[in-house]
PDB file of N, CA and C in Angstrom:
ATOM      1  N   MET A   1     161.244 -97.769 162.744  1.00  0.00           N
ATOM      2  CA  MET A   1     160.019 -98.505 163.066  1.00  0.00           C
ATOM      3  C   MET A   1     158.915 -97.497 162.917  1.00  0.00           C
ATOM      4  N   GLU A   2     157.829 -97.880 162.314  1.00  0.00           N
ATOM      5  CA  GLU A   2     156.661 -97.001 162.113  1.00  0.00           C
ATOM      6  C   GLU A   2     155.906 -96.934 163.440  1.00  0.00           C
ATOM      7  N   ALA A   3     155.177 -95.760 163.584  1.00  0.00           N
ATOM      8  CA  ALA A   3     154.378 -95.650 164.759  1.00  0.00           C
ATOM      9  C   ALA A   3     153.189 -96.582 164.641  1.00  0.00           C
ATOM     10  N   PRO A   4     152.807 -97.190 165.775  1.00  0.00           N
ATOM     11  CA  PRO A   4     151.669 -98.132 165.735  1.00  0.00           C
ATOM     12  C   PRO A   4     150.392 -97.400 165.386  1.00  0.00           C
ATOM     13  N   PHE A   5     149.454 -98.153 164.827  1.00  0.00           N
ATOM     14  CA  PHE A   5     148.162 -97.536 164.394  1.00  0.00           C
ATOM     15  C   PHE A   5     147.116 -97.806 165.516  1.00  0.00           C
ATOM     16  N   TRP A   6     146.350 -96.777 165.827  1.00  0.00           N
ATOM     17  CA  TRP A   6     145.207 -96.951 166.653  1.00  0.00           C
ATOM     18  C   TRP A   6     144.159 -95.983 166.203  1.00  0.00           C
ATOM     19  N   PRO A   7     142.872 -96.228 166.499  1.00  0.00           N
ATOM     20  CA  PRO A   7     141.813 -95.379 166.001  1.00  0.00           C
ATOM     21  C   PRO A   7     141.945 -93.927 166.434  1.00  0.00           C
ATOM     22  N   ASP A   8     141.499 -93.021 165.541  1.00  0.00           N
ATOM     23  CA  ASP A   8     141.585 -91.555 165.852  1.00  0.00           C
ATOM     24  C   ASP A   8     140.820 -91.198 167.071  1.00  0.00           C
ATOM     25  N   ASN A   9     139.754 -91.931 167.401  1.00  0.00           N
ATOM     26  CA  ASN A   9     138.927 -91.518 168.517  1.00  0.00           C
ATOM     27  C   ASN A   9     139.564 -91.872 169.901  1.00  0.00           C
ATOM     28  N   GLU A  10     140.739 -92.574 169.843  1.00  0.00           N
ATOM     29  CA  GLU A  10     141.456 -92.883 171.116  1.00  0.00           C
ATOM     30  C   GLU A  10     142.651 -91.918 171.201  1.00  0.00           C
ATOM     31  N   LYS A  11     142.816 -91.324 172.322  1.00  0.00           N
ATOM     32  CA  LYS A  11     143.936 -90.372 172.473  1.00  0.00           C
ATOM     33  C   LYS A  11     145.258 -91.050 172.843  1.00  0.00           C
ATOM     34  N   THR A  12     145.213 -92.205 173.470  1.00  0.00           N
ATOM     35  CA  THR A  12     146.399 -92.908 173.815  1.00  0.00           C
ATOM     36  C   THR A  12     146.378 -94.309 173.173  1.00  0.00           C
ATOM     37  N   PRO A  13     147.519 -94.888 172.919  1.00  0.00           N
ATOM     38  CA  PRO A  13     147.531 -96.211 172.250  1.00  0.00           C
ATOM     39  C   PRO A  13     147.000 -97.256 173.223  1.00  0.00           C
ATOM     40  N   PRO A  14     146.405 -98.287 172.700  1.00  0.00           N
ATOM     41  CA  PRO A  14     145.963 -99.365 173.569  1.00  0.00           C
ATOM     42  C   PRO A  14     147.197 -99.999 174.311  1.00  0.00           C
ATOM     43  N   ALA A  15     146.972-100.538 175.436  1.00  0.00           N
ATOM     44  CA  ALA A  15     148.033-101.129 176.250  1.00  0.00           C
ATOM     45  C   ALA A  15     148.678-102.382 175.611  1.00  0.00           C
ATOM     46  N   PHE A  16     147.895-103.005 174.716  1.00  0.00           N
ATOM     47  CA  PHE A  16     148.408-104.223 174.114  1.00  0.00           C
ATOM     48  C   PHE A  16     149.347-104.052 172.977  1.00  0.00           C
ATOM     49  N   ILE A  17     149.596-102.838 172.537  1.00  0.00           N
ATOM     50  CA  ILE A  17     150.489-102.576 171.449  1.00  0.00           C
ATOM     51  C   ILE A  17     151.950-102.816 171.862  1.00  0.00           C
ATOM     52  N   GLN A  18     152.637-103.702 171.191  1.00  0.00           N
ATOM     53  CA  GLN A  18     154.012-104.042 171.478  1.00  0.00           C
ATOM     54  C   GLN A  18     154.952-103.611 170.400  1.00  0.00           C
ATOM     55  N   PRO A  19     156.242-103.382 170.665  1.00  0.00           N
ATOM     56  CA  PRO A  19     157.154-103.004 169.630  1.00  0.00           C
ATOM     57  C   PRO A  19     157.301-104.138 168.664  1.00  0.00           C
ATOM     58  N   GLU A  20     157.698-103.788 167.420  1.00  0.00           N
ATOM     59  CA  GLU A  20     157.941-104.737 166.372  1.00  0.00           C
ATOM     60  C   GLU A  20     159.232-105.516 166.690  1.00  0.00           C
ATOM     61  N   VAL A  21     159.157-106.866 166.528  1.00  0.00           N
ATOM     62  CA  VAL A  21     160.268-107.722 166.812  1.00  0.00           C
ATOM     63  C   VAL A  21     160.631-108.388 165.495  1.00  0.00           C
ATOM     64  N   LYS A  22     161.924-108.302 165.080  1.00  0.00           N
ATOM     65  CA  LYS A  22     162.357-108.977 163.941  1.00  0.00           C
ATOM     66  C   LYS A  22     162.984-110.280 164.229  1.00  0.00           C
ATOM     67  N   ILE A  23     162.574-111.346 163.554  1.00  0.00           N
ATOM     68  CA  ILE A  23     163.105-112.644 163.796  1.00  0.00           C
ATOM     69  C   ILE A  23     164.067-113.014 162.673  1.00  0.00           C
ATOM     70  N   THR A  24     165.260-113.370 163.045  1.00  0.00           N
ATOM     71  CA  THR A  24     166.274-113.739 162.072  1.00  0.00           C
ATOM     72  C   THR A  24     166.635-115.163 162.173  1.00  0.00           C
ATOM     73  N   GLN A  25     166.973-115.779 161.136  1.00  0.00           N
ATOM     74  CA  GLN A  25     167.375-117.204 161.102  1.00  0.00           C
ATOM     75  C   GLN A  25     168.880-117.244 160.759  1.00  0.00           C
ATOM     76  N   GLN A  26     169.513-118.351 161.300  1.00  0.00           N
ATOM     77  CA  GLN A  26     170.891-118.570 160.990  1.00  0.00           C
ATOM     78  C   GLN A  26     170.964-119.161 159.531  1.00  0.00           C
ATOM     79  N   PRO A  27     171.999-118.868 158.829  1.00  0.00           N
ATOM     80  CA  PRO A  27     172.166-119.497 157.543  1.00  0.00           C
ATOM     81  C   PRO A  27     172.140-121.001 157.664  1.00  0.00           C
ATOM     82  N   GLU A  28     171.606-121.729 156.702  1.00  0.00           N
ATOM     83  CA  GLU A  28     171.456-123.157 156.743  1.00  0.00           C
ATOM     84  C   GLU A  28     172.804-123.883 156.954  1.00  0.00           C
ATOM     85  N   ASN A  29     173.864-123.356 156.437  1.00  0.00           N
ATOM     86  CA  ASN A  29     175.182-123.969 156.593  1.00  0.00           C
ATOM     87  C   ASN A  29     175.871-123.708 157.888  1.00  0.00           C
ATOM     88  N   LYS A  30     175.344-122.811 158.728  1.00  0.00           N
ATOM     89  CA  LYS A  30     175.955-122.502 160.021  1.00  0.00           C
ATOM     90  C   LYS A  30     175.224-123.185 161.161  1.00  0.00           C
ATOM     91  N   LYS A  31     175.929-124.153 161.807  1.00  0.00           N
ATOM     92  CA  LYS A  31     175.297-124.766 162.922  1.00  0.00           C
ATOM     93  C   LYS A  31     175.603-123.928 164.155  1.00  0.00           C
ATOM     94  N   PRO A  32     174.697-123.914 165.155  1.00  0.00           N
ATOM     95  CA  PRO A  32     174.999-123.182 166.330  1.00  0.00           C
ATOM     96  C   PRO A  32     176.245-123.760 167.080  1.00  0.00           C
ATOM     97  N   ASP A  33     177.066-122.871 167.503  1.00  0.00           N
ATOM     98  CA  ASP A  33     178.220-123.351 168.266  1.00  0.00           C
ATOM     99  C   ASP A  33     177.866-123.706 169.709  1.00  0.00           C
ATOM    100  N   LEU A  34     178.806-124.287 170.423  1.00  0.00           N
ATOM    101  CA  LEU A  34     178.566-124.695 171.786  1.00  0.00           C
ATOM    102  C   LEU A  34     178.099-123.480 172.636  1.00  0.00           C
ATOM    103  N   GLN A  35     178.691-122.310 172.469  1.00  0.00           N
ATOM    104  CA  GLN A  35     178.248-121.166 173.256  1.00  0.00           C
ATOM    105  C   GLN A  35     176.754-120.912 173.028  1.00  0.00           C
ATOM    106  N   ASP A  36     176.297-121.004 171.779  1.00  0.00           N
ATOM    107  CA  ASP A  36     174.906-120.804 171.478  1.00  0.00           C
ATOM    108  C   ASP A  36     174.023-121.820 172.194  1.00  0.00           C
ATOM    109  N   LYS A  37     174.433-123.087 172.187  1.00  0.00           N
ATOM    110  CA  LYS A  37     173.700-124.187 172.763  1.00  0.00           C
ATOM    111  C   LYS A  37     173.683-124.042 174.283  1.00  0.00           C
ATOM    112  N   VAL A  38     174.819-123.860 174.894  1.00  0.00           N
ATOM    113  CA  VAL A  38     174.875-123.711 176.317  1.00  0.00           C
ATOM    114  C   VAL A  38     174.120-122.446 176.759  1.00  0.00           C
ATOM    115  N   ALA A  39     174.283-121.353 175.993  1.00  0.00           N
ATOM    116  CA  ALA A  39     173.623-120.130 176.358  1.00  0.00           C
ATOM    117  C   ALA A  39     172.154-120.223 176.248  1.00  0.00           C
ATOM    118  N   SER A  40     171.633-121.231 175.558  1.00  0.00           N
ATOM    119  CA  SER A  40     170.179-121.298 175.330  1.00  0.00           C
ATOM    120  C   SER A  40     169.410-121.669 176.577  1.00  0.00           C
ATOM    121  N   TYR A  41     170.058-122.332 177.547  1.00  0.00           N
ATOM    122  CA  TYR A  41     169.364-122.653 178.771  1.00  0.00           C
ATOM    123  C   TYR A  41     170.354-122.736 179.960  1.00  0.00           C
ATOM    124  N   PRO A  42     170.081-122.126 180.978  1.00  0.00           N
ATOM    125  CA  PRO A  42     169.432-120.810 181.128  1.00  0.00           C
ATOM    126  C   PRO A  42     170.482-119.711 181.069  1.00  0.00           C
ATOM    127  N   PHE A  43     171.699-120.006 180.588  1.00  0.00           N
ATOM    128  CA  PHE A  43     172.777-119.186 180.644  1.00  0.00           C
ATOM    129  C   PHE A  43     172.951-118.331 179.406  1.00  0.00           C
ATOM    130  N   LYS A  44     172.985-117.013 179.479  1.00  0.00           N
ATOM    131  CA  LYS A  44     173.038-116.190 178.316  1.00  0.00           C
ATOM    132  C   LYS A  44     174.106-115.165 178.361  1.00  0.00           C
ATOM    133  N   SER A  45     174.948-115.157 179.378  1.00  0.00           N
ATOM    134  CA  SER A  45     176.007-114.143 179.485  1.00  0.00           C
ATOM    135  C   SER A  45     177.318-114.794 179.919  1.00  0.00           C
ATOM    136  N   LYS A  46     178.336-114.027 179.769  1.00  0.00           N
ATOM    137  CA  LYS A  46     179.675-114.468 180.245  1.00  0.00           C
ATOM    138  C   LYS A  46     179.692-114.680 181.749  1.00  0.00           C
ATOM    139  N   THR A  47     178.904-113.830 182.427  1.00  0.00           N
ATOM    140  CA  THR A  47     178.837-113.982 183.849  1.00  0.00           C
ATOM    141  C   THR A  47     178.250-115.324 184.257  1.00  0.00           C
ATOM    142  N   GLN A  48     177.230-115.733 183.547  1.00  0.00           N
ATOM    143  CA  GLN A  48     176.586-117.016 183.845  1.00  0.00           C
ATOM    144  C   GLN A  48     177.552-118.172 183.434  1.00  0.00           C
ATOM    145  N   MET A  49     178.227-117.984 182.310  1.00  0.00           N
ATOM    146  CA  MET A  49     179.204-119.029 181.925  1.00  0.00           C
ATOM    147  C   MET A  49     180.320-119.170 182.978  1.00  0.00           C
ATOM    148  N   ARG A  50     180.711-118.056 183.585  1.00  0.00           N
ATOM    149  CA  ARG A  50     181.701-118.080 184.595  1.00  0.00           C
ATOM    150  C   ARG A  50     181.222-118.937 185.766  1.00  0.00           C
ATOM    151  N   LYS A  51     179.922-118.845 186.061  1.00  0.00           N
ATOM    152  CA  LYS A  51     179.340-119.670 187.160  1.00  0.00           C
ATOM    153  C   LYS A  51     179.501-121.142 186.833  1.00  0.00           C
ATOM    154  N   ILE A  52     179.286-121.486 185.566  1.00  0.00           N
ATOM    155  CA  ILE A  52     179.373-122.875 185.156  1.00  0.00           C
ATOM    156  C   ILE A  52     180.855-123.354 185.298  1.00  0.00           C
ATOM    157  N   GLN A  53     181.762-122.484 184.873  1.00  0.00           N
ATOM    158  CA  GLN A  53     183.193-122.809 184.950  1.00  0.00           C
ATOM    159  C   GLN A  53     183.620-122.882 186.420  1.00  0.00           C
ATOM    160  N   THR A  54     183.176-122.007 187.235  1.00  0.00           N
ATOM    161  CA  THR A  54     183.479-122.066 188.680  1.00  0.00           C
ATOM    162  C   THR A  54     182.975-123.351 189.337  1.00  0.00           C
ATOM    163  N   ALA A  55     181.803-123.702 189.059  1.00  0.00           N
ATOM    164  CA  ALA A  55     181.205-124.915 189.572  1.00  0.00           C
ATOM    165  C   ALA A  55     181.991-126.131 189.138  1.00  0.00           C
ATOM    166  N   LEU A  56     182.289-126.176 187.831  1.00  0.00           N
ATOM    167  CA  LEU A  56     183.115-127.271 187.312  1.00  0.00           C
ATOM    168  C   LEU A  56     184.493-127.367 187.954  1.00  0.00           C
ATOM    169  N   LYS A  57     185.112-126.172 188.217  1.00  0.00           N
ATOM    170  CA  LYS A  57     186.365-126.145 188.862  1.00  0.00           C
ATOM    171  C   LYS A  57     186.310-126.632 190.302  1.00  0.00           C
ATOM    172  N   ASN A  58     185.253-126.152 191.019  1.00  0.00           N
ATOM    173  CA  ASN A  58     185.042-126.567 192.430  1.00  0.00           C
ATOM    174  C   ASN A  58     184.774-128.085 192.492  1.00  0.00           C
ATOM    175  N   ALA A  59     184.145-128.639 191.442  1.00  0.00           N
ATOM    176  CA  ALA A  59     183.853-130.065 191.396  1.00  0.00           C
ATOM    177  C   ALA A  59     185.076-130.891 190.901  1.00  0.00           C
ATOM    178  N   GLY A  60     186.155-130.212 190.493  1.00  0.00           N
ATOM    179  CA  GLY A  60     187.339-130.868 190.045  1.00  0.00           C
ATOM    180  C   GLY A  60     187.394-131.323 188.629  1.00  0.00           C
ATOM    181  N   PHE A  61     186.524-130.794 187.793  1.00  0.00           N
ATOM    182  CA  PHE A  61     186.497-131.114 186.385  1.00  0.00           C
ATOM    183  C   PHE A  61     187.066-130.128 185.422  1.00  0.00           C
ATOM    184  N   TYR A  62     187.355-128.892 185.903  1.00  0.00           N
ATOM    185  CA  TYR A  62     187.822-127.841 184.982  1.00  0.00           C
ATOM    186  C   TYR A  62     189.107-127.236 185.657  1.00  0.00           C
ATOM    187  N   LYS A  63     190.157-127.181 184.812  1.00  0.00           N
ATOM    188  CA  LYS A  63     191.392-126.642 185.314  1.00  0.00           C
ATOM    189  C   LYS A  63     191.854-125.366 184.616  1.00  0.00           C
ATOM    190  N   GLY A  64     190.977-124.903 183.654  1.00  0.00           N
ATOM    191  CA  GLY A  64     191.342-123.726 182.865  1.00  0.00           C
ATOM    192  C   GLY A  64     190.993-122.385 183.572  1.00  0.00           C
ATOM    193  N   LYS A  65     191.174-121.341 182.883  1.00  0.00           N
ATOM    194  CA  LYS A  65     190.930-119.999 183.323  1.00  0.00           C
ATOM    195  C   LYS A  65     189.406-119.776 183.328  1.00  0.00           C
ATOM    196  N   ILE A  66     188.929-119.091 184.361  1.00  0.00           N
ATOM    197  CA  ILE A  66     187.539-118.795 184.442  1.00  0.00           C
ATOM    198  C   ILE A  66     187.317-117.482 183.630  1.00  0.00           C
ATOM    199  N   ASP A  67     186.941-117.620 182.400  1.00  0.00           N
ATOM    200  CA  ASP A  67     186.867-116.441 181.481  1.00  0.00           C
ATOM    201  C   ASP A  67     185.536-116.270 180.908  1.00  0.00           C
ATOM    202  N   GLY A  68     184.535-117.111 181.150  1.00  0.00           N
ATOM    203  CA  GLY A  68     183.207-116.946 180.589  1.00  0.00           C
ATOM    204  C   GLY A  68     183.119-117.412 179.191  1.00  0.00           C
ATOM    205  N   LYS A  69     184.121-118.010 178.599  1.00  0.00           N
ATOM    206  CA  LYS A  69     184.043-118.457 177.222  1.00  0.00           C
ATOM    207  C   LYS A  69     183.920-119.952 177.194  1.00  0.00           C
ATOM    208  N   THR A  70     183.173-120.443 176.260  1.00  0.00           N
ATOM    209  CA  THR A  70     182.942-121.927 176.160  1.00  0.00           C
ATOM    210  C   THR A  70     183.857-122.476 175.067  1.00  0.00           C
ATOM    211  N   GLY A  71     185.007-122.942 175.515  1.00  0.00           N
ATOM    212  CA  GLY A  71     185.993-123.518 174.626  1.00  0.00           C
ATOM    213  C   GLY A  71     185.974-125.009 174.732  1.00  0.00           C
ATOM    214  N   PRO A  72     186.902-125.681 174.074  1.00  0.00           N
ATOM    215  CA  PRO A  72     186.988-127.097 174.115  1.00  0.00           C
ATOM    216  C   PRO A  72     187.248-127.700 175.541  1.00  0.00           C
ATOM    217  N   GLN A  73     187.960-126.975 176.357  1.00  0.00           N
ATOM    218  CA  GLN A  73     188.259-127.407 177.754  1.00  0.00           C
ATOM    219  C   GLN A  73     186.972-127.358 178.552  1.00  0.00           C
ATOM    220  N   THR A  74     186.170-126.272 178.444  1.00  0.00           N
ATOM    221  CA  THR A  74     184.925-126.184 179.151  1.00  0.00           C
ATOM    222  C   THR A  74     183.976-127.287 178.694  1.00  0.00           C
ATOM    223  N   LYS A  75     183.875-127.494 177.366  1.00  0.00           N
ATOM    224  CA  LYS A  75     182.942-128.493 176.823  1.00  0.00           C
ATOM    225  C   LYS A  75     183.354-129.900 177.390  1.00  0.00           C
ATOM    226  N   SER A  76     184.601-130.175 177.330  1.00  0.00           N
ATOM    227  CA  SER A  76     185.084-131.470 177.851  1.00  0.00           C
ATOM    228  C   SER A  76     184.789-131.636 179.323  1.00  0.00           C
ATOM    229  N   ALA A  77     184.948-130.570 180.083  1.00  0.00           N
ATOM    230  CA  ALA A  77     184.642-130.608 181.518  1.00  0.00           C
ATOM    231  C   ALA A  77     183.181-130.847 181.782  1.00  0.00           C
ATOM    232  N   ILE A  78     182.312-130.235 181.004  1.00  0.00           N
ATOM    233  CA  ILE A  78     180.877-130.393 181.189  1.00  0.00           C
ATOM    234  C   ILE A  78     180.524-131.834 180.902  1.00  0.00           C
ATOM    235  N   LYS A  79     181.060-132.419 179.811  1.00  0.00           N
ATOM    236  CA  LYS A  79     180.780-133.749 179.442  1.00  0.00           C
ATOM    237  C   LYS A  79     181.297-134.765 180.531  1.00  0.00           C
ATOM    238  N   ALA A  80     182.461-134.501 181.055  1.00  0.00           N
ATOM    239  CA  ALA A  80     182.982-135.406 182.112  1.00  0.00           C
ATOM    240  C   ALA A  80     182.084-135.333 183.372  1.00  0.00           C
ATOM    241  N   PHE A  81     181.698-134.137 183.729  1.00  0.00           N
ATOM    242  CA  PHE A  81     180.804-133.924 184.875  1.00  0.00           C
ATOM    243  C   PHE A  81     179.517-134.650 184.620  1.00  0.00           C
ATOM    244  N   GLN A  82     178.955-134.529 183.493  1.00  0.00           N
ATOM    245  CA  GLN A  82     177.660-135.201 183.150  1.00  0.00           C
ATOM    246  C   GLN A  82     177.832-136.693 183.279  1.00  0.00           C
ATOM    247  N   LYS A  83     178.928-137.236 182.751  1.00  0.00           N
ATOM    248  CA  LYS A  83     179.122-138.725 182.849  1.00  0.00           C
ATOM    249  C   LYS A  83     179.219-139.074 184.297  1.00  0.00           C
ATOM    250  N   SER A  84     179.892-138.312 185.169  1.00  0.00           N
ATOM    251  CA  SER A  84     180.036-138.706 186.537  1.00  0.00           C
ATOM    252  C   SER A  84     178.735-138.656 187.295  1.00  0.00           C
ATOM    253  N   LYS A  85     177.760-137.881 186.811  1.00  0.00           N
ATOM    254  CA  LYS A  85     176.469-137.768 187.429  1.00  0.00           C
ATOM    255  C   LYS A  85     175.397-138.660 186.741  1.00  0.00           C
ATOM    256  N   LYS A  86     175.863-139.521 185.752  1.00  0.00           N
ATOM    257  CA  LYS A  86     174.977-140.329 185.032  1.00  0.00           C
ATOM    258  C   LYS A  86     173.919-139.535 184.212  1.00  0.00           C
ATOM    259  N   LEU A  87     174.341-138.393 183.688  1.00  0.00           N
ATOM    260  CA  LEU A  87     173.520-137.583 182.860  1.00  0.00           C
ATOM    261  C   LEU A  87     173.958-137.789 181.400  1.00  0.00           C
ATOM    262  N   LYS A  88     173.113-137.393 180.498  1.00  0.00           N
ATOM    263  CA  LYS A  88     173.473-137.540 179.033  1.00  0.00           C
ATOM    264  C   LYS A  88     174.693-136.580 178.779  1.00  0.00           C
ATOM    265  N   PRO A  89     175.854-137.178 178.411  1.00  0.00           N
ATOM    266  CA  PRO A  89     177.006-136.344 178.207  1.00  0.00           C
ATOM    267  C   PRO A  89     177.035-135.636 176.855  1.00  0.00           C
ATOM    268  N   ASP A  90     176.216-134.623 176.784  1.00  0.00           N
ATOM    269  CA  ASP A  90     176.089-133.845 175.500  1.00  0.00           C
ATOM    270  C   ASP A  90     176.861-132.549 175.495  1.00  0.00           C
ATOM    271  N   GLY A  91     177.436-132.180 176.654  1.00  0.00           N
ATOM    272  CA  GLY A  91     178.170-130.911 176.734  1.00  0.00           C
ATOM    273  C   GLY A  91     177.318-129.704 176.868  1.00  0.00           C
ATOM    274  N   LEU A  92     176.020-129.932 176.982  1.00  0.00           N
ATOM    275  CA  LEU A  92     175.065-128.761 177.141  1.00  0.00           C
ATOM    276  C   LEU A  92     174.611-128.697 178.621  1.00  0.00           C
ATOM    277  N   VAL A  93     174.499-127.495 179.153  1.00  0.00           N
ATOM    278  CA  VAL A  93     174.059-127.306 180.521  1.00  0.00           C
ATOM    279  C   VAL A  93     172.560-127.002 180.468  1.00  0.00           C
ATOM    280  N   GLY A  94     171.774-128.119 180.624  1.00  0.00           N
ATOM    281  CA  GLY A  94     170.351-128.057 180.737  1.00  0.00           C
ATOM    282  C   GLY A  94     169.943-128.076 182.199  1.00  0.00           C
ATOM    283  N   LYS A  95     168.658-128.252 182.403  1.00  0.00           N
ATOM    284  CA  LYS A  95     168.090-128.178 183.801  1.00  0.00           C
ATOM    285  C   LYS A  95     168.817-129.233 184.681  1.00  0.00           C
ATOM    286  N   LYS A  96     168.861-130.460 184.323  1.00  0.00           N
ATOM    287  CA  LYS A  96     169.440-131.538 185.181  1.00  0.00           C
ATOM    288  C   LYS A  96     170.869-131.291 185.458  1.00  0.00           C
ATOM    289  N   THR A  97     171.648-130.874 184.442  1.00  0.00           N
ATOM    290  CA  THR A  97     173.020-130.601 184.633  1.00  0.00           C
ATOM    291  C   THR A  97     173.251-129.413 185.570  1.00  0.00           C
ATOM    292  N   TRP A  98     172.425-128.390 185.344  1.00  0.00           N
ATOM    293  CA  TRP A  98     172.601-127.172 186.185  1.00  0.00           C
ATOM    294  C   TRP A  98     172.225-127.476 187.645  1.00  0.00           C
ATOM    295  N   VAL A  99     171.207-128.324 187.882  1.00  0.00           N
ATOM    296  CA  VAL A  99     170.870-128.652 189.271  1.00  0.00           C
ATOM    297  C   VAL A  99     172.004-129.293 189.961  1.00  0.00           C
ATOM    298  N   GLU A 100     172.766-130.186 189.303  1.00  0.00           N
ATOM    299  CA  GLU A 100     173.887-130.862 189.810  1.00  0.00           C
ATOM    300  C   GLU A 100     175.068-129.882 189.993  1.00  0.00           C
ATOM    301  N   LEU A 101     175.325-129.065 188.954  1.00  0.00           N
ATOM    302  CA  LEU A 101     176.468-128.153 188.966  1.00  0.00           C
ATOM    303  C   LEU A 101     176.292-127.097 190.075  1.00  0.00           C
ATOM    304  N   SER A 102     175.112-126.598 190.242  1.00  0.00           N
ATOM    305  CA  SER A 102     174.878-125.459 191.171  1.00  0.00           C
ATOM    306  C   SER A 102     175.167-125.900 192.617  1.00  0.00           C
ATOM    307  N   LYS A 103     175.231-127.192 192.875  1.00  0.00           N
ATOM    308  CA  LYS A 103     175.602-127.660 194.226  1.00  0.00           C
ATOM    309  C   LYS A 103     177.092-127.313 194.563  1.00  0.00           C
ATOM    310  N   TYR A 104     177.868-127.059 193.501  1.00  0.00           N
ATOM    311  CA  TYR A 104     179.331-126.757 193.679  1.00  0.00           C
ATOM    312  C   TYR A 104     179.614-125.280 193.692  1.00  0.00           C
ATOM    313  N   LEU A 105     178.616-124.438 193.726  1.00  0.00           N
ATOM    314  CA  LEU A 105     178.846-122.996 193.846  1.00  0.00           C
ATOM    315  C   LEU A 105     178.735-122.632 195.319  1.00  0.00           C
ATOM    316  N   LYS A 106     179.766-121.843 195.755  1.00  0.00           N
ATOM    317  CA  LYS A 106     179.731-121.354 197.141  1.00  0.00           C
ATOM    318  C   LYS A 106     178.776-120.235 197.276  1.00  0.00           C
ATOM    319  N   ASN A 107     177.943-120.278 198.296  1.00  0.00           N
ATOM    320  CA  ASN A 107     176.989-119.209 198.487  1.00  0.00           C
ATOM    321  C   ASN A 107     177.526-118.038 199.246  1.00  0.00           C
TER     322      ASN A 107
END
């Protein structure tokens, strides 16, 4: 990355200079997998996915291993949970689904 430019008469860079961010796109033929979709809101790590699996298990919808991976068993459990709560059964953990799921996490 190149050093940012600022006028010679200033000894320090302006506070608004931010590092360069590269934006990449997925190939057109690759659709995001479930992990990408679920991870998009608000869960981005295996730890957070474990919370989803734990809540699903506590609610009686998931019988698999709590491993932080979004496989077919987790997706199926999310959909079944959503149906039971009269939410759109899309297999994605959005705001409404998370509000309901979080009730099944022990504090």
